[in-house]
């Protein structure tokens, strides 16, 4: 009987293998997001039993024999999620070509000993601070980021300029700015500004689900407001609370599992 040139563990064409796509398994193992894993496969960086893979559609029961850049991949650990209070002035990336400090600079001391390699859920701009979720599970990261999941993100913005609650209420219908459509945004003047009828300086609370690049700043700029401080105070069911700036705390596993079950993906 002729030998197959397929690597061990890869089902031949026509079979209905049990398991999951390798890109999904590697993402869950925390190697990278699924999209990034697909790029790695296209670049020939992923192999099984020594044979380089050329498709992310490969179905495997587990990661036994899989290597990335020649290094064996450990089996996926349970999903873990950490809340990090990102300070202003840090880049949400592993490294920065300009040499600016990244979140990982702060995370060396903020994460508890024995914490797995983690990836940020979404991004916060250089000058945006507040709640940044971190996880070792690429699939959970992807689900939390997808607009289709409908996960709310809540921000507090300190603004300079004049705006009324009526103007903010109109954002509930979404808005188009320079050809880009931004979806539903719930925006409210915080109590002090509302009672005084709005003023030149005020805090505004905004909740949205899309999370497009610089969405909050662009929408507020469209309303003629200058943002002097922007904090993310909530992501999904998790809140920043009194977590100190630069600190990280692990979210209880029961809450992580509850979140996973609630995601509409």
Protein backbone atom coordinates (compact mmCIF):
# COMPACT_ATOMS: atom_id res chain seq x y z
CA UNK A 1 0.00 0.00 0.00
CA UNK A 2 1.57 3.39 -1.00
CA UNK A 3 2.66 5.70 1.77
CA UNK A 4 0.87 9.01 2.18
CA UNK A 5 2.99 12.16 1.98
CA UNK A 6 0.70 13.88 4.45
CA UNK A 7 2.13 14.52 7.92
CA UNK A 8 0.95 12.32 10.74
CA UNK A 9 -2.29 13.47 12.26
CA UNK A 10 -3.62 15.13 9.08
CA UNK A 11 -6.64 13.36 7.68
CA UNK A 12 -6.57 12.40 3.98
CA UNK A 13 -8.99 14.04 1.57
CA UNK A 14 -12.51 12.70 1.72
CA UNK A 15 -12.31 11.75 5.39
CA UNK A 16 -14.32 13.55 8.04
CA UNK A 17 -11.68 14.04 10.74
CA UNK A 18 -12.49 14.88 14.31
CA UNK A 19 -10.72 17.83 15.82
CA UNK A 20 -10.32 21.50 14.96
CA UNK A 21 -8.43 23.66 12.49
CA UNK A 22 -4.80 24.09 13.39
CA UNK A 23 -5.11 27.89 13.29
CA UNK A 24 -7.80 27.70 15.94
CA UNK A 25 -5.80 25.29 18.12
CA UNK A 26 -2.68 27.46 17.93
CA UNK A 27 -4.68 30.58 18.73
CA UNK A 28 -6.22 28.86 21.76
CA UNK A 29 -2.73 27.82 22.86
CA UNK A 30 -1.75 31.48 22.92
CA UNK A 31 0.71 31.37 20.01
CA UNK A 32 -1.03 34.31 18.31
CA UNK A 33 -4.46 35.36 17.11
CA UNK A 34 -6.04 33.11 14.48
CA UNK A 35 -5.40 35.66 11.75
CA UNK A 36 -1.74 35.95 12.76
CA UNK A 37 -1.42 32.15 12.83
CA UNK A 38 -2.80 31.99 9.29
CA UNK A 39 -0.08 34.42 8.23
CA UNK A 40 2.54 32.26 9.96
CA UNK A 41 1.31 29.22 8.04
CA UNK A 42 1.43 31.15 4.76
CA UNK A 43 5.05 32.08 5.58
CA UNK A 44 5.96 28.41 6.12
CA UNK A 45 6.66 28.81 9.82
CA UNK A 46 4.32 26.03 11.05
CA UNK A 47 5.03 22.32 10.65
CA UNK A 48 3.75 18.99 11.92
CA UNK A 49 6.03 15.97 12.21
CA UNK A 50 8.65 18.05 10.38
CA UNK A 51 6.49 18.74 7.32
CA UNK A 52 5.73 22.41 6.65
CA UNK A 53 2.01 23.12 6.42
CA UNK A 54 0.58 25.20 3.61
CA UNK A 55 -3.04 25.58 4.71
CA UNK A 56 -4.77 26.74 7.91
CA UNK A 57 -7.64 24.36 7.07
CA UNK A 58 -5.66 21.38 8.42
CA UNK A 59 -7.75 19.52 11.01
CA UNK A 60 -6.01 18.10 14.08
CA UNK A 61 -7.22 16.50 17.31
CA UNK A 62 -4.44 18.22 19.27
CA UNK A 63 -1.08 19.98 18.88
CA UNK A 64 1.11 16.90 19.27
CA UNK A 65 4.06 17.16 16.87
CA UNK A 66 3.29 20.75 15.87
CA UNK A 67 6.15 23.25 15.75
CA UNK A 68 6.29 27.00 15.14
CA UNK A 69 9.63 28.34 13.95
CA UNK A 70 11.08 24.93 14.78
CA UNK A 71 9.92 24.95 18.39
CA UNK A 72 7.38 22.53 19.80
CA UNK A 73 4.05 24.03 20.85
CA UNK A 74 2.70 23.20 24.27
CA UNK A 75 -0.89 22.05 24.60
CA UNK A 76 -3.40 24.80 25.31
CA UNK A 77 -3.85 25.84 28.92
CA UNK A 78 -7.25 26.85 30.28
CA UNK A 79 -8.22 30.36 29.21
CA UNK A 80 -7.05 32.98 31.66
CA UNK A 81 -7.91 36.67 31.62
CA UNK A 82 -6.19 39.54 33.40
CA UNK A 83 -7.34 43.12 33.88
CA UNK A 84 -4.56 45.68 33.47
CA UNK A 85 -4.79 49.40 34.26
CA UNK A 86 -2.80 50.75 31.34
CA UNK A 87 -1.14 54.09 32.06
CA UNK A 88 -0.93 56.80 29.44
CA UNK A 89 2.34 56.76 27.49
CA UNK A 90 2.56 53.03 26.77
CA UNK A 91 2.20 51.39 23.36
CA UNK A 92 -0.19 48.43 23.14
CA UNK A 93 2.29 46.20 21.32
CA UNK A 94 5.13 43.81 22.07
CA UNK A 95 7.74 46.16 20.64
CA UNK A 96 7.85 49.62 19.10
CA UNK A 97 10.10 50.59 16.17
CA UNK A 98 10.58 54.02 17.75
CA UNK A 99 11.77 52.52 21.01
CA UNK A 100 8.87 53.80 23.10
CA UNK A 101 7.87 51.77 26.18
CA UNK A 102 5.17 49.15 25.65
CA UNK A 103 2.63 47.54 27.92
CA UNK A 104 4.94 44.55 28.24
CA UNK A 105 7.51 46.78 29.96
CA UNK A 106 4.99 47.38 32.74
CA UNK A 107 3.59 43.85 32.69
CA UNK A 108 6.92 42.33 33.73
CA UNK A 109 6.22 43.55 37.26
CA UNK A 110 2.43 43.76 37.13
CA UNK A 111 1.54 40.15 36.27
CA UNK A 112 1.74 37.48 38.98
CA UNK A 113 4.51 34.90 38.93
CA UNK A 114 3.69 31.96 36.70
CA UNK A 115 1.35 33.96 34.46
CA UNK A 116 1.20 32.62 30.89
CA UNK A 117 2.15 34.59 27.79
CA UNK A 118 -0.74 36.98 27.26
CA UNK A 119 -2.09 39.02 24.37
CA UNK A 120 -4.03 42.28 24.65
CA UNK A 121 -7.72 42.25 23.79
CA UNK A 122 -7.96 45.15 21.37
CA UNK A 123 -5.77 48.19 21.81
CA UNK A 124 -5.59 51.44 23.71
CA UNK A 125 -3.85 54.36 22.03
CA UNK A 126 -0.59 55.76 23.40
CA UNK A 127 -2.40 58.52 25.29
CA UNK A 128 -5.46 56.48 26.29
CA UNK A 129 -5.43 54.84 29.70
CA UNK A 130 -7.63 52.50 31.67
CA UNK A 131 -8.86 48.92 31.40
CA UNK A 132 -7.00 46.63 29.03
CA UNK A 133 -7.90 42.94 29.09
CA UNK A 134 -5.14 40.38 28.53
CA UNK A 135 -5.60 36.69 27.75
CA UNK A 136 -3.57 33.61 26.83
CA UNK A 137 -6.40 32.36 24.59
CA UNK A 138 -6.34 33.66 21.01
CA UNK A 139 -9.86 32.45 20.27
CA UNK A 140 -11.28 34.26 23.28
CA UNK A 141 -9.33 37.37 22.29
CA UNK A 142 -10.82 37.25 18.79
CA UNK A 143 -14.36 36.74 20.07
CA UNK A 144 -14.06 39.70 22.45
CA UNK A 145 -12.76 41.96 19.69
CA UNK A 146 -15.28 41.11 16.96
CA UNK A 147 -17.98 43.78 16.50
CA UNK A 148 -20.43 40.93 15.79
CA UNK A 149 -20.01 39.76 19.39
CA UNK A 150 -21.58 43.01 20.60
CA UNK A 151 -19.22 43.34 23.58
CA UNK A 152 -19.64 46.85 25.06
CA UNK A 153 -16.66 49.09 25.76
CA UNK A 154 -17.19 52.02 28.13
CA UNK A 155 -15.04 55.15 28.25
CA UNK A 156 -14.84 58.35 30.29
CA UNK A 157 -13.65 61.35 28.32
CA UNK A 158 -12.68 64.72 29.74
CA UNK A 159 -13.49 67.23 27.04
CA UNK A 160 -13.15 70.93 26.37
CA UNK A 161 -15.87 72.64 24.37
CA UNK A 162 -19.60 73.06 24.40
CA UNK A 163 -21.98 70.15 23.89
CA UNK A 164 -25.53 69.39 24.97
CA UNK A 165 -27.07 66.13 26.08
CA UNK A 166 -29.39 66.39 23.07
CA UNK A 167 -26.38 66.36 20.74
CA UNK A 168 -24.97 63.33 22.52
CA UNK A 169 -28.32 61.54 22.34
CA UNK A 170 -28.17 61.72 18.54
CA UNK A 171 -25.16 59.38 18.58
CA UNK A 172 -27.50 56.51 19.46
CA UNK A 173 -28.32 56.37 15.72
CA UNK A 174 -24.64 56.24 14.78
CA UNK A 175 -22.76 58.82 12.72
CA UNK A 176 -20.72 58.99 9.51
CA UNK A 177 -17.44 60.92 9.61
CA UNK A 178 -15.21 61.34 6.56
CA UNK A 179 -16.82 58.35 4.89
CA UNK A 180 -16.50 56.07 7.92
CA UNK A 181 -19.69 54.84 9.56
CA UNK A 182 -19.67 54.56 13.35
CA UNK A 183 -22.44 52.53 14.93
CA UNK A 184 -24.63 53.10 17.95
CA UNK A 185 -22.98 55.04 20.79
CA UNK A 186 -24.62 55.73 24.13
CA UNK A 187 -23.20 59.00 25.43
CA UNK A 188 -24.09 60.93 28.58
CA UNK A 189 -22.82 64.06 30.26
CA UNK A 190 -21.82 63.09 33.78
CA UNK A 191 -24.06 64.39 36.53
CA UNK A 192 -22.23 67.63 37.36
CA UNK A 193 -22.12 68.76 33.73
CA UNK A 194 -25.74 67.74 33.13
CA UNK A 195 -26.99 69.71 36.13
CA UNK A 196 -25.08 72.81 35.04
CA UNK A 197 -26.37 72.46 31.49
CA UNK A 198 -22.97 71.56 30.06
CA UNK A 199 -19.90 73.75 30.05
CA UNK A 200 -16.52 74.28 28.50
CA UNK A 201 -14.97 71.41 30.50
CA UNK A 202 -16.93 68.25 31.24
CA UNK A 203 -16.71 64.49 31.58
CA UNK A 204 -18.68 62.37 29.14
CA UNK A 205 -19.43 58.65 29.54
CA UNK A 206 -19.61 56.71 26.27
CA UNK A 207 -20.49 53.07 25.56
CA UNK A 208 -19.97 51.47 22.14
CA UNK A 209 -19.59 47.99 20.69
CA UNK A 210 -17.53 48.41 17.51
CA UNK A 211 -14.24 49.77 18.83
CA UNK A 212 -12.98 51.19 15.53
CA UNK A 213 -9.57 52.85 15.53
CA UNK A 214 -9.67 56.08 17.60
CA UNK A 215 -13.47 55.96 17.48
CA UNK A 216 -14.16 57.92 20.67
CA UNK A 217 -11.71 60.70 19.85
CA UNK A 218 -12.97 61.05 16.28
CA UNK A 219 -16.63 61.19 17.28
CA UNK A 220 -16.00 63.78 19.99
CA UNK A 221 -13.84 65.83 17.63
CA UNK A 222 -16.74 65.71 15.14
CA UNK A 223 -18.88 67.34 17.86
CA UNK A 224 -16.30 70.12 18.24
CA UNK A 225 -14.81 68.80 21.47
CA UNK A 226 -11.14 68.52 22.43
CA UNK A 227 -10.30 65.42 24.47
CA UNK A 228 -7.79 66.11 27.24
CA UNK A 229 -8.05 62.71 28.94
CA UNK A 230 -9.54 59.39 27.86
CA UNK A 231 -9.99 56.33 30.07
CA UNK A 232 -11.58 52.98 29.30
CA UNK A 233 -13.49 52.00 32.41
CA UNK A 234 -15.31 48.90 31.20
CA UNK A 235 -14.98 46.05 28.71
CA UNK A 236 -17.84 43.58 28.59
CA UNK A 237 -18.83 42.62 32.15
CA UNK A 238 -15.50 43.77 33.61
CA UNK A 239 -14.85 47.20 35.13
CA UNK A 240 -11.69 49.09 35.97
CA UNK A 241 -12.94 49.82 39.48
CA UNK A 242 -10.18 50.86 41.86
CA UNK A 243 -7.41 48.85 40.17
CA UNK A 244 -4.28 51.03 40.59
CA UNK A 245 -2.61 52.51 37.53
CA UNK A 246 0.03 50.09 36.22
CA UNK A 247 -1.38 47.13 38.18
CA UNK A 248 -2.88 43.86 36.89
CA UNK A 249 -5.31 41.43 38.49
CA UNK A 250 -6.53 38.03 37.34
CA UNK A 251 -10.25 37.67 36.67
CA UNK A 252 -11.77 34.65 38.47
CA UNK A 253 -12.11 31.56 36.27
CA UNK A 254 -15.84 31.28 36.89
CA UNK A 255 -16.31 34.76 35.40
CA UNK A 256 -14.14 33.88 32.40
CA UNK A 257 -16.24 30.79 31.66
CA UNK A 258 -19.45 32.76 32.08
CA UNK A 259 -18.12 35.31 29.59
CA UNK A 260 -17.13 32.65 27.06
CA UNK A 261 -20.61 31.13 27.13
CA UNK A 262 -22.24 34.51 26.63
CA UNK A 263 -20.31 35.46 23.49
CA UNK A 264 -22.37 35.32 20.34
CA UNK A 265 -19.81 33.76 17.95
